[in-house]
Amino acid sequence: MSGASVFRSAQPVRDVDPALPAIPTALVEVDVVRQWRDGVPGAVPVFDGESGPGLADAAEQFDVDAAVLEAVGASASAGTARALPLRDGGVGWAVGVGSGGAAQWRSAGGALARAVRERLGEAAESDEEPGDLGEASDADYLQVKLPADVDGETVTALVLGLALGGYRFRVSRRPVPPRLRKVLLVAPEGADVAALGAQARRARELAAATALARDLANTPSNVKDPAWLTGTGAELAGDLPDLTATVRDEKWLAERGFGGILAVGGGSSRPPRLLELAYRPKGATGPHLVLVGKGITFDTGGISIKPAEGMHLMRTDMSGGGAVIAALLTIARLGLPVRVTGLVPSAENHVSGSAYRPGDVVRHYGGKTTEVGNTDAEGRMVLADAIAYAVDRLEPDLLVDVATLTGAMKVALGLRTGGLFASDDELAEKVRAAGARVGEAWWRMPLVEDHAEAVKGELADVKQTPSGPGGITAALFLREFTGDLPWAHLDIAGPARAEKDHDEVVAGGTGFAARSLVELAATLADS
């Protein structure tokens, strides 16, 4: 196959830079057990009470007076974790969970994970001995008491917080600091431990999808070029059942007319690639879902160059592609009985004598032409090629693309909510509901037909940067390539990056959308 490599087995990803963290990041293991264990550091939730935080349960569990908890600042406020010394020389945590909603449990898990990481890691970073959590043999273990009314939603939220709140990605010569390795969730008497355990394991797989998407986004762009991104995705897919990976190079793309990907990647010395991940489980029923993720490994803006301030964050401009890669791997690990294909068109958008220009006309896969208005609107150029290819060659029933596409979405929705555009109401609701179940917020935006005419080209079939509201017109541009299939466009320009920690999110690439895509596929498998 000219210009293509098919991966069916692989060794673990090898670091280009020996200081680069191992990918994927190792996450905490989680089990559900029946009994509290003496000698293992523990955490107890603190709920809102009628007259303040309900400290009685924690006081009883830790065999201390409520005054001790008050003295260390124990609170019911979700996202607070307060350590307290115990009589046996160990340490316990009182963790605020508010009224006990799913979002509050996720926040509590994240706060607890960060508190434990800080206790374990900061001393190590200063070349001192790390502080113990309790007995030395249990320094990497923790147990958390679950409430009497625990359900699967609570467990999912808590596990997501615990697994992701302590995430870290740092390129350093220092040894990897100690980390929390295992958490035991102690179920109340009479609870279905097996069912809760299954829920915990599934939640950890969702967390692994988010963490891998973070890893890919956080990898610096001197390492992460299109060949590295697509090759890493293919390598990680190698040993998973029913999943095959194919990487297409610039020669293959040129032979088949992928003009958008080639134009965007033309200014870089590191040529573009297209990754195709095909998951084909035996006995799959239901629709064929195609996911397309923007894979711009660095974006200078090209000739329409970006300001220097903030440009370093453009290493995360492939967050949509990272979410698609992570989702496909997780869908395969879960063995979901649904056909899913992932496409990641990947390029670097650089400035050079071979860079594409404003005013160029680019011919996409399938022949449709685009008049270029701004070379910094490169994401839609590569997505258009991949979407057109999916419609022509893959026979999808549903299309979903995900991209850090427009600054307009950051203005409209801020940094914690993804923009959702859709041509189909049922698909839009499935995406929104999937996100709600896994702790990712989506807000549906309108595909305003009054602006559709602005997308039509004068010199070419369509305009890359038509006048009007930027997020909406970008979505309308992409719709031109969808062949009237049910389609959703997820603009994650805001929530794909975080400036500070909150809930289960840590500063840097967030991995946003990966869990929603997995949950969407699970919904289709169950339909």
Protein backbone atom coordinates (compact mmCIF):
# COMPACT_ATOMS: atom_id res chain seq x y z
CA MET A 1 0.00 0.00 0.00
CA SER A 2 1.84 3.09 -1.23
CA GLY A 3 2.41 5.71 1.42
CA ALA A 4 0.64 3.84 4.20
CA SER A 5 1.69 1.78 7.20
CA VAL A 6 -0.68 -0.68 8.87
CA PHE A 7 -0.03 -1.40 12.56
CA ARG A 8 -1.37 -4.60 14.12
CA SER A 9 1.05 -5.12 16.98
CA ALA A 10 3.49 -2.90 18.76
CA GLN A 11 5.88 -2.52 21.66
CA PRO A 12 5.33 0.18 24.31
CA VAL A 13 5.91 3.72 23.12
CA ARG A 14 9.59 4.63 23.23
CA ASP A 15 10.52 8.07 24.42
CA VAL A 16 12.22 10.35 21.88
CA ASP A 17 13.64 12.29 24.83
CA PRO A 18 14.63 10.05 27.76
CA ALA A 19 13.31 12.74 30.13
CA LEU A 20 9.85 12.59 28.52
CA PRO A 21 7.34 10.89 30.83
CA ALA A 22 6.15 7.44 29.86
CA ILE A 23 2.99 7.49 27.77
CA PRO A 24 0.34 6.61 28.77
CA THR A 25 0.60 8.01 32.27
CA ALA A 26 0.12 5.39 34.97
CA LEU A 27 -3.10 5.93 36.93
CA VAL A 28 -4.17 4.80 40.37
CA GLU A 29 -5.83 1.37 40.62
CA VAL A 30 -9.25 1.31 42.30
CA ASP A 31 -11.06 -1.58 44.01
CA VAL A 32 -14.32 -1.73 45.94
CA VAL A 33 -14.06 -3.67 49.21
CA ARG A 34 -16.34 -4.53 52.10
CA GLN A 35 -14.26 -3.63 55.15
CA TRP A 36 -12.22 -0.72 56.45
CA ARG A 37 -8.63 -1.82 57.01
CA ASP A 38 -6.57 -0.89 60.05
CA GLY A 39 -3.21 0.67 59.27
CA VAL A 40 -4.19 1.92 55.80
CA PRO A 41 -4.51 5.71 55.47
CA GLY A 42 -8.13 6.66 54.99
CA ALA A 43 -10.50 9.40 53.93
CA VAL A 44 -14.06 10.03 55.08
CA PRO A 45 -16.57 12.27 53.31
CA VAL A 46 -18.05 15.28 55.08
CA PHE A 47 -21.57 16.28 54.01
CA ASP A 48 -23.50 19.48 54.52
CA GLY A 49 -25.58 19.29 57.67
CA GLU A 50 -28.49 21.36 58.90
CA SER A 51 -26.21 23.38 61.16
CA GLY A 52 -22.89 23.07 59.35
CA PRO A 53 -20.56 20.30 58.19
CA GLY A 54 -21.52 16.81 59.40
CA LEU A 55 -18.31 15.84 61.18
CA ALA A 56 -19.67 13.01 63.34
CA ASP A 57 -19.00 10.19 60.87
CA ALA A 58 -15.39 11.24 60.31
CA ALA A 59 -14.84 11.76 64.05
CA GLU A 60 -16.14 8.27 64.80
CA GLN A 61 -14.14 6.62 62.01
CA PHE A 62 -10.88 8.29 63.05
CA ASP A 63 -11.60 8.03 66.80
CA VAL A 64 -11.11 11.74 67.42
CA ASP A 65 -13.25 14.53 68.80
CA ALA A 66 -15.13 16.72 66.32
CA ALA A 67 -13.11 19.62 67.74
CA VAL A 68 -9.98 18.12 66.19
CA LEU A 69 -11.64 18.13 62.77
CA GLU A 70 -12.75 21.70 63.29
CA ALA A 71 -9.21 22.66 64.29
CA VAL A 72 -7.73 21.35 61.00
CA GLY A 73 -10.40 23.17 58.99
CA ALA A 74 -12.51 20.19 57.96
CA SER A 75 -15.35 21.41 55.78
CA ALA A 76 -18.26 20.11 53.74
CA SER A 77 -17.29 22.39 50.87
CA ALA A 78 -16.72 20.21 47.82
CA GLY A 79 -13.08 20.23 46.80
CA THR A 80 -11.59 20.59 50.30
CA ALA A 81 -9.39 17.86 51.75
CA ARG A 82 -7.95 18.34 55.24
CA ALA A 83 -5.34 16.02 56.75
CA LEU A 84 -5.41 15.24 60.46
CA PRO A 85 -2.90 13.34 62.61
CA LEU A 86 -4.18 10.13 64.16
CA ARG A 87 -3.34 8.49 67.47
CA ASP A 88 -1.53 5.59 65.75
CA GLY A 89 0.87 8.02 64.07
CA GLY A 90 -0.84 7.83 60.70
CA VAL A 91 -2.92 10.41 58.92
CA GLY A 92 -6.54 10.65 57.82
CA TRP A 93 -8.41 13.00 55.53
CA ALA A 94 -11.75 14.69 55.90
CA VAL A 95 -13.05 15.42 52.41
CA GLY A 96 -15.89 17.81 51.68
CA VAL A 97 -18.63 16.50 49.37
CA GLY A 98 -21.31 19.16 49.85
CA SER A 99 -24.75 17.67 49.28
CA GLY A 100 -23.23 14.62 47.56
CA GLY A 101 -24.00 15.33 43.91
CA ALA A 102 -21.90 13.71 41.20
CA ALA A 103 -19.98 16.90 40.39
CA GLN A 104 -19.19 17.34 44.08
CA TRP A 105 -17.87 13.80 44.40
CA ARG A 106 -15.69 14.38 41.33
CA SER A 107 -14.35 17.56 42.89
CA ALA A 108 -13.78 15.76 46.19
CA GLY A 109 -11.85 12.97 44.50
CA GLY A 110 -9.68 15.48 42.66
CA ALA A 111 -8.94 17.44 45.82
CA LEU A 112 -8.05 14.28 47.75
CA ALA A 113 -5.76 13.05 44.97
CA ARG A 114 -3.92 16.37 44.91
CA ALA A 115 -3.59 16.42 48.69
CA VAL A 116 -2.07 12.95 48.71
CA ARG A 117 0.21 13.78 45.78
CA GLU A 118 1.44 16.88 47.56
CA ARG A 119 2.16 14.94 50.73
CA LEU A 120 4.02 12.23 48.84
CA GLY A 121 5.77 14.34 46.26
CA GLU A 122 6.87 17.72 47.54
CA ALA A 123 9.43 16.37 49.96
CA ALA A 124 10.85 14.16 47.20
CA GLU A 125 11.17 17.16 44.86
CA SER A 126 13.21 18.99 47.49
CA ASP A 127 15.53 15.95 47.81
CA GLU A 128 14.13 15.09 51.21
CA GLU A 129 12.47 11.89 52.30
CA PRO A 130 8.78 11.92 51.29
CA GLY A 131 6.37 12.10 54.16
CA ASP A 132 4.50 8.90 55.00
CA LEU A 133 0.79 8.55 54.60
CA GLY A 134 0.84 5.99 57.36
CA GLU A 135 2.82 2.80 57.79
CA ALA A 136 5.69 2.66 55.29
CA SER A 137 4.31 -0.43 53.57
CA ASP A 138 1.04 1.38 52.93
CA ALA A 139 2.49 4.70 51.75
CA ASP A 140 1.06 4.28 48.28
CA TYR A 141 -2.37 3.00 49.41
CA LEU A 142 -5.49 4.86 50.49
CA GLN A 143 -9.00 3.85 51.49
CA VAL A 144 -12.13 5.96 51.13
CA LYS A 145 -15.36 5.35 52.99
CA LEU A 146 -18.40 5.37 50.70
CA PRO A 147 -21.76 6.75 51.93
CA ALA A 148 -24.68 4.56 52.95
CA ASP A 149 -26.68 5.52 49.85
CA VAL A 150 -23.83 5.01 47.38
CA ASP A 151 -24.74 4.29 43.75
CA GLY A 152 -22.92 3.84 40.47
CA GLU A 153 -23.04 7.54 39.65
CA THR A 154 -21.26 8.38 42.91
CA VAL A 155 -18.58 5.76 42.31
CA THR A 156 -18.00 6.94 38.74
CA ALA A 157 -17.59 10.55 39.82
CA LEU A 158 -15.29 9.71 42.72
CA VAL A 159 -13.06 7.44 40.63
CA LEU A 160 -12.75 10.08 37.91
CA GLY A 161 -11.65 12.60 40.51
CA LEU A 162 -9.21 10.25 42.22
CA ALA A 163 -7.65 9.02 38.99
CA LEU A 164 -7.35 12.39 37.26
CA GLY A 165 -6.92 14.92 40.05
CA GLY A 166 -3.39 13.72 40.79
CA TYR A 167 -2.33 13.62 37.12
CA ARG A 168 0.99 15.24 36.31
CA PHE A 169 3.14 15.57 33.17
CA ARG A 170 6.58 17.05 33.56
CA VAL A 171 9.70 16.78 31.41
CA SER A 172 12.53 16.74 33.94
CA ARG A 173 15.82 15.10 34.82
CA ARG A 174 14.49 14.46 38.33
CA PRO A 175 13.23 10.99 39.21
CA VAL A 176 9.49 10.46 39.00
CA PRO A 177 8.11 11.36 42.45
CA PRO A 178 6.21 8.74 44.43
CA ARG A 179 2.53 8.51 43.58
CA LEU A 180 -0.67 7.05 44.93
CA ARG A 181 -0.94 3.55 43.45
CA LYS A 182 -4.14 2.04 44.83
CA VAL A 183 -7.39 3.23 46.38
CA LEU A 184 -9.83 0.97 48.18
CA LEU A 185 -13.43 2.20 48.16
CA VAL A 186 -15.07 0.79 51.29
CA ALA A 187 -18.69 -0.04 50.56
CA PRO A 188 -21.45 0.23 53.19
CA GLU A 189 -23.04 -2.87 54.63
CA GLY A 190 -25.48 -4.46 52.20
CA ALA A 191 -24.10 -2.77 49.07
CA ASP A 192 -23.62 -4.75 45.86
CA VAL A 193 -19.82 -4.76 45.88
CA ALA A 194 -19.53 -6.58 42.55
CA ALA A 195 -21.72 -4.03 40.74
CA LEU A 196 -19.93 -1.09 42.32
CA GLY A 197 -16.58 -2.66 41.45
CA ALA A 198 -17.60 -2.99 37.80
CA GLN A 199 -18.64 0.65 37.81
CA ALA A 200 -15.29 1.66 39.32
CA ARG A 201 -13.35 -0.29 36.68
CA ARG A 202 -15.33 1.30 33.86
CA ALA A 203 -14.81 4.77 35.35
CA ARG A 204 -11.09 4.13 35.51
CA GLU A 205 -11.12 3.29 31.78
CA LEU A 206 -12.83 6.61 31.14
CA ALA A 207 -10.18 8.31 33.24
CA ALA A 208 -7.47 6.54 31.23
CA ALA A 209 -8.97 8.00 28.03
CA THR A 210 -8.79 11.49 29.50
CA ALA A 211 -5.26 10.97 30.80
CA LEU A 212 -3.94 9.73 27.45
CA ALA A 213 -5.52 12.68 25.66
CA ARG A 214 -3.76 14.93 28.21
CA ASP A 215 -0.45 13.14 27.61
CA LEU A 216 -0.67 13.70 23.88
CA ALA A 217 -1.64 17.36 24.29
CA ASN A 218 1.07 18.09 26.85
CA THR A 219 3.91 16.50 24.89
CA PRO A 220 6.10 19.37 23.62
CA SER A 221 6.03 20.02 19.90
CA ASN A 222 9.75 19.55 19.39
CA VAL A 223 8.91 15.89 20.04
CA LYS A 224 5.33 15.84 18.81
CA ASP A 225 5.27 16.28 15.04
CA PRO A 226 2.60 14.70 12.79
CA ALA A 227 4.61 11.49 12.39
CA TRP A 228 5.02 11.17 16.18
CA LEU A 229 1.37 11.86 16.97
CA THR A 230 -0.08 9.48 14.41
CA GLY A 231 2.63 6.89 14.99
CA THR A 232 2.09 6.96 18.74
CA GLY A 233 -1.65 6.52 18.27
CA ALA A 234 -1.04 3.58 15.94
CA GLU A 235 1.53 2.02 18.25
CA LEU A 236 -0.77 2.21 21.26
CA ALA A 237 -3.55 0.61 19.22
CA GLY A 238 -1.33 -2.28 18.19
CA ASP A 239 -2.30 -4.99 20.67
CA LEU A 240 -5.95 -4.11 21.21
CA PRO A 241 -8.53 -6.57 19.88
CA ASP A 242 -10.51 -5.69 16.74
CA LEU A 243 -8.62 -2.40 16.30
CA THR A 244 -6.34 -1.66 13.34
CA ALA A 245 -4.36 1.48 12.68
CA THR A 246 -3.15 2.89 9.37
CA VAL A 247 -0.89 5.92 8.99
CA ARG A 248 -0.91 7.66 5.58
CA ASP A 249 2.02 9.89 4.58
CA GLU A 250 2.23 12.98 2.40
CA LYS A 251 2.76 10.95 -0.78
CA TRP A 252 -0.46 9.02 -0.24
CA LEU A 253 -2.30 12.24 0.63
CA ALA A 254 -1.04 13.97 -2.52
CA GLU A 255 -1.99 11.05 -4.78
CA ARG A 256 -5.56 11.19 -3.49
CA GLY A 257 -6.06 14.93 -3.40
CA PHE A 258 -6.06 15.82 0.30
CA GLY A 259 -5.38 19.46 -0.53
CA GLY A 260 -6.41 20.91 2.80
CA ILE A 261 -4.03 18.77 4.89
CA LEU A 262 -1.21 19.31 2.40
CA ALA A 263 -1.74 23.08 2.27
CA VAL A 264 -1.65 23.47 6.04
CA GLY A 265 1.36 21.19 6.38
CA GLY A 266 3.22 22.66 3.43
CA GLY A 267 5.08 25.28 5.43
CA SER A 268 6.72 22.77 7.77
CA SER A 269 9.81 20.62 7.28
CA ARG A 270 7.91 17.86 9.09
CA PRO A 271 5.23 16.63 6.66
CA PRO A 272 1.58 15.87 7.43
CA ARG A 273 -0.02 12.53 8.16
CA LEU A 274 -3.48 10.98 8.35
CA LEU A 275 -4.21 8.37 11.03
CA GLU A 276 -7.13 5.98 10.58
CA LEU A 277 -8.19 3.79 13.49
CA ALA A 278 -10.81 1.17 12.59
CA TYR A 279 -12.61 -0.72 15.37
CA ARG A 280 -14.58 -3.66 14.00
CA PRO A 281 -15.79 -5.99 16.77
CA LYS A 282 -17.44 -9.24 15.81
CA GLY A 283 -21.21 -9.17 16.08
CA ALA A 284 -21.42 -5.39 16.19
CA THR A 285 -24.84 -3.94 15.53
CA GLY A 286 -26.18 -0.44 15.25
CA PRO A 287 -24.79 2.56 13.39
CA HIS A 288 -21.25 3.12 12.17
CA LEU A 289 -19.82 6.10 14.05
CA VAL A 290 -16.95 8.08 12.52
CA LEU A 291 -14.97 10.42 14.78
CA VAL A 292 -12.70 13.07 13.26
CA GLY A 293 -10.19 14.94 15.41
CA LYS A 294 -8.07 17.95 14.52
CA GLY A 295 -4.40 17.02 14.82
CA ILE A 296 -2.45 20.28 14.44
CA THR A 297 0.73 19.48 16.38
CA PHE A 298 1.78 23.14 16.46
CA ASP A 299 0.09 26.22 15.11
CA THR A 300 2.01 29.42 14.43
CA GLY A 301 -0.94 30.72 12.46
CA GLY A 302 1.15 30.44 9.29
CA ILE A 303 1.52 33.62 7.24
CA SER A 304 -1.43 35.04 9.24
CA ILE A 305 0.88 34.63 12.22
CA LYS A 306 -0.35 34.58 15.79
CA PRO A 307 0.86 36.99 18.50
CA ALA A 308 3.83 35.66 20.44
CA GLU A 309 1.93 35.80 23.71
CA GLY A 310 0.22 32.48 24.26
CA MET A 311 1.66 30.80 21.18
CA HIS A 312 3.43 28.22 23.36
CA LEU A 313 0.01 26.79 24.18
CA MET A 314 -0.40 25.76 20.55
CA ARG A 315 1.26 22.47 21.39
CA THR A 316 -2.26 21.53 22.54
CA ASP A 317 -3.90 22.43 19.22
CA MET A 318 -4.19 18.70 18.46
CA SER A 319 -6.42 18.13 21.49
CA GLY A 320 -9.33 17.04 19.30
CA GLY A 321 -7.14 14.45 17.62
CA GLY A 322 -5.83 13.32 20.99
CA ALA A 323 -9.40 12.86 22.23
CA VAL A 324 -10.27 10.74 19.19
CA ILE A 325 -7.17 8.54 19.60
CA ALA A 326 -7.85 8.05 23.30
CA ALA A 327 -11.54 7.34 22.70
CA LEU A 328 -10.86 4.65 20.09
CA LEU A 329 -8.37 2.89 22.36
CA THR A 330 -10.81 2.94 25.27
CA ILE A 331 -13.74 1.79 23.14
CA ALA A 332 -11.62 -1.19 22.08
CA ARG A 333 -10.48 -1.96 25.64
CA LEU A 334 -14.10 -1.91 26.81
CA GLY A 335 -15.09 -4.18 23.92
CA LEU A 336 -18.12 -2.10 23.00
CA PRO A 337 -20.20 -3.86 20.31
CA VAL A 338 -20.33 -0.93 17.89
CA ARG A 339 -18.37 -0.03 14.75
CA VAL A 340 -16.26 3.10 15.22
CA THR A 341 -13.65 4.70 12.98
CA GLY A 342 -11.34 7.46 14.11
CA LEU A 343 -9.61 9.85 11.70
CA VAL A 344 -6.87 12.26 12.79
CA PRO A 345 -5.59 14.59 10.04
CA SER A 346 -2.30 15.90 11.41
CA ALA A 347 -0.07 18.76 10.28
CA GLU A 348 2.13 21.57 11.57
CA ASN A 349 1.07 25.06 10.53
CA HIS A 350 4.36 26.93 10.02
CA VAL A 351 5.73 30.01 8.28
CA SER A 352 8.12 29.43 5.37
CA GLY A 353 8.47 29.95 1.66
CA SER A 354 6.33 26.90 1.04
CA ALA A 355 3.50 27.92 3.39
CA TYR A 356 0.01 28.40 1.99
CA ARG A 357 -1.21 31.98 1.60
CA PRO A 358 -4.34 34.07 2.12
CA GLY A 359 -6.02 34.24 -1.27
CA ASP A 360 -5.01 30.71 -2.29
CA VAL A 361 -7.64 28.32 -3.62
CA VAL A 362 -7.27 24.82 -2.17
CA ARG A 363 -8.88 21.70 -3.63
CA HIS A 364 -10.00 19.26 -0.94
CA TYR A 365 -10.45 15.52 -1.10
CA GLY A 366 -13.42 14.93 -3.39
CA GLY A 367 -12.84 18.11 -5.42
CA LYS A 368 -14.59 20.89 -3.50
CA THR A 369 -12.54 24.08 -3.45
CA THR A 370 -11.92 26.61 -0.68
CA GLU A 371 -10.82 30.22 -0.94
CA VAL A 372 -8.33 30.83 1.87
CA GLY A 373 -8.92 34.00 3.88
CA ASN A 374 -6.69 33.43 6.91
CA THR A 375 -4.03 30.77 7.26
CA ASP A 376 -4.69 30.65 11.01
CA ALA A 377 -8.08 29.06 10.28
CA GLU A 378 -6.19 25.86 9.48
CA GLY A 379 -8.21 23.43 11.58
CA ARG A 380 -11.24 23.51 9.32
CA MET A 381 -9.00 22.92 6.31
CA VAL A 382 -7.70 19.58 7.58
CA LEU A 383 -11.06 18.54 9.03
CA ALA A 384 -12.77 19.21 5.67
CA ASP A 385 -10.49 16.71 3.93
CA ALA A 386 -11.00 14.03 6.56
CA ILE A 387 -14.78 14.52 6.70
CA ALA A 388 -15.06 14.35 2.91
CA TYR A 389 -12.96 11.18 2.91
CA ALA A 390 -15.19 9.63 5.58
CA VAL A 391 -18.34 10.39 3.61
CA ASP A 392 -16.86 9.03 0.38
CA ARG A 393 -15.06 5.90 1.61
CA LEU A 394 -16.20 4.82 5.06
CA GLU A 395 -20.02 4.63 4.78
CA PRO A 396 -20.70 6.27 8.15
CA ASP A 397 -24.14 6.55 9.69
CA LEU A 398 -23.07 9.30 12.10
CA LEU A 399 -20.23 11.84 11.95
CA VAL A 400 -18.73 13.69 14.91
CA ASP A 401 -15.74 16.01 14.64
CA VAL A 402 -13.90 17.54 17.58
CA ALA A 403 -11.44 20.41 17.43
CA THR A 404 -9.90 23.39 19.19
CA LEU A 405 -11.38 25.42 16.38
CA THR A 406 -12.39 28.99 17.23
CA GLY A 407 -11.59 31.65 19.79
CA ALA A 408 -15.24 32.62 19.45
CA MET A 409 -16.24 29.59 21.53
CA LYS A 410 -13.95 30.67 24.36
CA VAL A 411 -15.70 34.05 24.35
CA ALA A 412 -19.17 32.53 24.16
CA LEU A 413 -18.86 29.66 26.63
CA GLY A 414 -15.70 30.21 28.67
CA LEU A 415 -13.14 27.59 29.57
CA ARG A 416 -15.22 24.76 31.03
CA THR A 417 -17.95 24.13 28.47
CA GLY A 418 -17.68 22.74 24.95
CA GLY A 419 -19.64 24.13 22.03
CA LEU A 420 -21.96 21.62 20.34
CA PHE A 421 -23.27 22.20 16.82
CA ALA A 422 -25.37 19.53 15.15
CA SER A 423 -27.43 18.92 12.05
CA ASP A 424 -29.51 16.29 13.88
CA ASP A 425 -31.43 16.85 17.11
CA GLU A 426 -31.22 13.23 18.27
CA LEU A 427 -27.45 13.12 17.82
CA ALA A 428 -27.06 16.46 19.60
CA GLU A 429 -28.98 15.18 22.60
CA LYS A 430 -26.97 11.94 22.69
CA VAL A 431 -23.73 13.94 22.81
CA ARG A 432 -25.02 16.31 25.49
CA ALA A 433 -26.36 13.48 27.64
CA ALA A 434 -23.19 11.41 27.22
CA GLY A 435 -21.12 14.34 28.43
CA ALA A 436 -23.39 14.90 31.42
CA ARG A 437 -22.96 11.29 32.54
CA VAL A 438 -19.16 11.53 32.51
CA GLY A 439 -18.72 15.05 33.84
CA GLU A 440 -18.16 17.02 30.63
CA ALA A 441 -20.46 19.95 29.87
CA TRP A 442 -21.71 20.71 26.34
CA TRP A 443 -23.88 23.61 25.27
CA ARG A 444 -25.74 23.39 22.00
CA MET A 445 -25.08 26.30 19.66
CA PRO A 446 -27.26 27.25 16.68
CA LEU A 447 -26.45 26.54 13.05
CA VAL A 448 -28.00 29.83 11.97
CA GLU A 449 -29.13 29.47 8.36
CA ASP A 450 -29.01 33.23 7.87
CA HIS A 451 -25.21 32.86 7.75
CA ALA A 452 -25.11 29.86 5.40
CA GLU A 453 -24.94 32.03 2.31
CA ALA A 454 -21.80 33.73 3.66
CA VAL A 455 -19.94 30.40 3.38
CA LYS A 456 -20.48 30.28 -0.38
CA GLY A 457 -17.38 31.29 -2.30
CA GLU A 458 -16.84 33.79 -5.08
CA LEU A 459 -13.49 32.59 -6.37
CA ALA A 460 -14.02 29.03 -5.09
CA ASP A 461 -16.88 26.79 -3.94
CA VAL A 462 -16.66 27.92 -0.30
CA LYS A 463 -14.94 30.55 1.80
CA GLN A 464 -12.67 29.47 4.60
CA THR A 465 -13.36 32.51 6.79
CA PRO A 466 -16.79 33.93 5.94
CA SER A 467 -18.12 37.00 7.67
CA GLY A 468 -20.35 36.59 10.71
CA PRO A 469 -20.08 34.92 14.14
CA GLY A 470 -16.87 32.90 14.06
CA GLY A 471 -17.94 29.69 15.79
CA ILE A 472 -21.16 29.42 13.80
CA THR A 473 -19.64 30.15 10.41
CA ALA A 474 -16.82 27.67 11.07
CA ALA A 475 -19.42 25.00 11.77
CA LEU A 476 -21.38 25.96 8.65
CA PHE A 477 -18.16 25.66 6.63
CA LEU A 478 -17.61 22.12 7.89
CA ARG A 479 -21.22 21.19 7.20
CA GLU A 480 -20.51 21.72 3.49
CA PHE A 481 -18.40 18.53 3.55
CA THR A 482 -20.70 16.24 5.56
CA GLY A 483 -22.88 14.97 2.71
CA ASP A 484 -26.09 15.67 4.67
CA LEU A 485 -25.28 12.90 7.16
CA PRO A 486 -26.27 13.27 10.81
CA TRP A 487 -23.30 15.25 12.08
CA ALA A 488 -22.09 16.99 15.23
CA HIS A 489 -19.22 19.44 15.52
CA LEU A 490 -17.61 19.82 18.95
CA ASP A 491 -15.60 23.01 19.42
CA ILE A 492 -13.34 22.56 22.46
CA ALA A 493 -11.17 25.67 22.10
CA GLY A 494 -12.11 26.69 25.66
CA PRO A 495 -12.10 23.54 27.80
CA ALA A 496 -9.21 21.74 26.06
CA ARG A 497 -6.71 23.74 28.14
CA ALA A 498 -6.73 24.79 31.78
CA GLU A 499 -4.74 27.54 33.47
CA LYS A 500 -5.24 26.15 36.98
CA ASP A 501 -6.48 23.06 38.79
CA HIS A 502 -10.18 22.55 39.47
CA ASP A 503 -12.33 19.50 40.15
CA GLU A 504 -10.56 16.59 38.39
CA VAL A 505 -8.85 18.95 35.93
CA VAL A 506 -5.20 19.97 36.25
CA ALA A 507 -3.39 22.83 34.54
CA GLY A 508 -2.34 22.09 30.96
CA GLY A 509 -4.08 19.90 28.42
CA THR A 510 -7.32 18.64 29.97
CA GLY A 511 -8.27 15.69 27.76
CA PHE A 512 -11.74 17.19 27.38
CA ALA A 513 -14.12 15.32 25.04
CA ALA A 514 -12.41 11.91 25.23
CA ARG A 515 -14.86 10.59 27.84
CA SER A 516 -17.86 12.01 26.00
CA LEU A 517 -16.85 10.23 22.80
CA VAL A 518 -16.49 6.90 24.60
CA GLU A 519 -19.84 7.34 26.33
CA LEU A 520 -21.48 8.30 23.03
CA ALA A 521 -20.21 5.07 21.47
CA ALA A 522 -21.52 3.11 24.47
CA THR A 523 -24.93 4.74 24.02
CA LEU A 524 -25.01 3.67 20.37
CA ALA A 525 -23.97 0.15 21.32
CA ASP A 526 -26.90 -0.08 23.74
CA SER A 527 -29.46 1.33 21.29
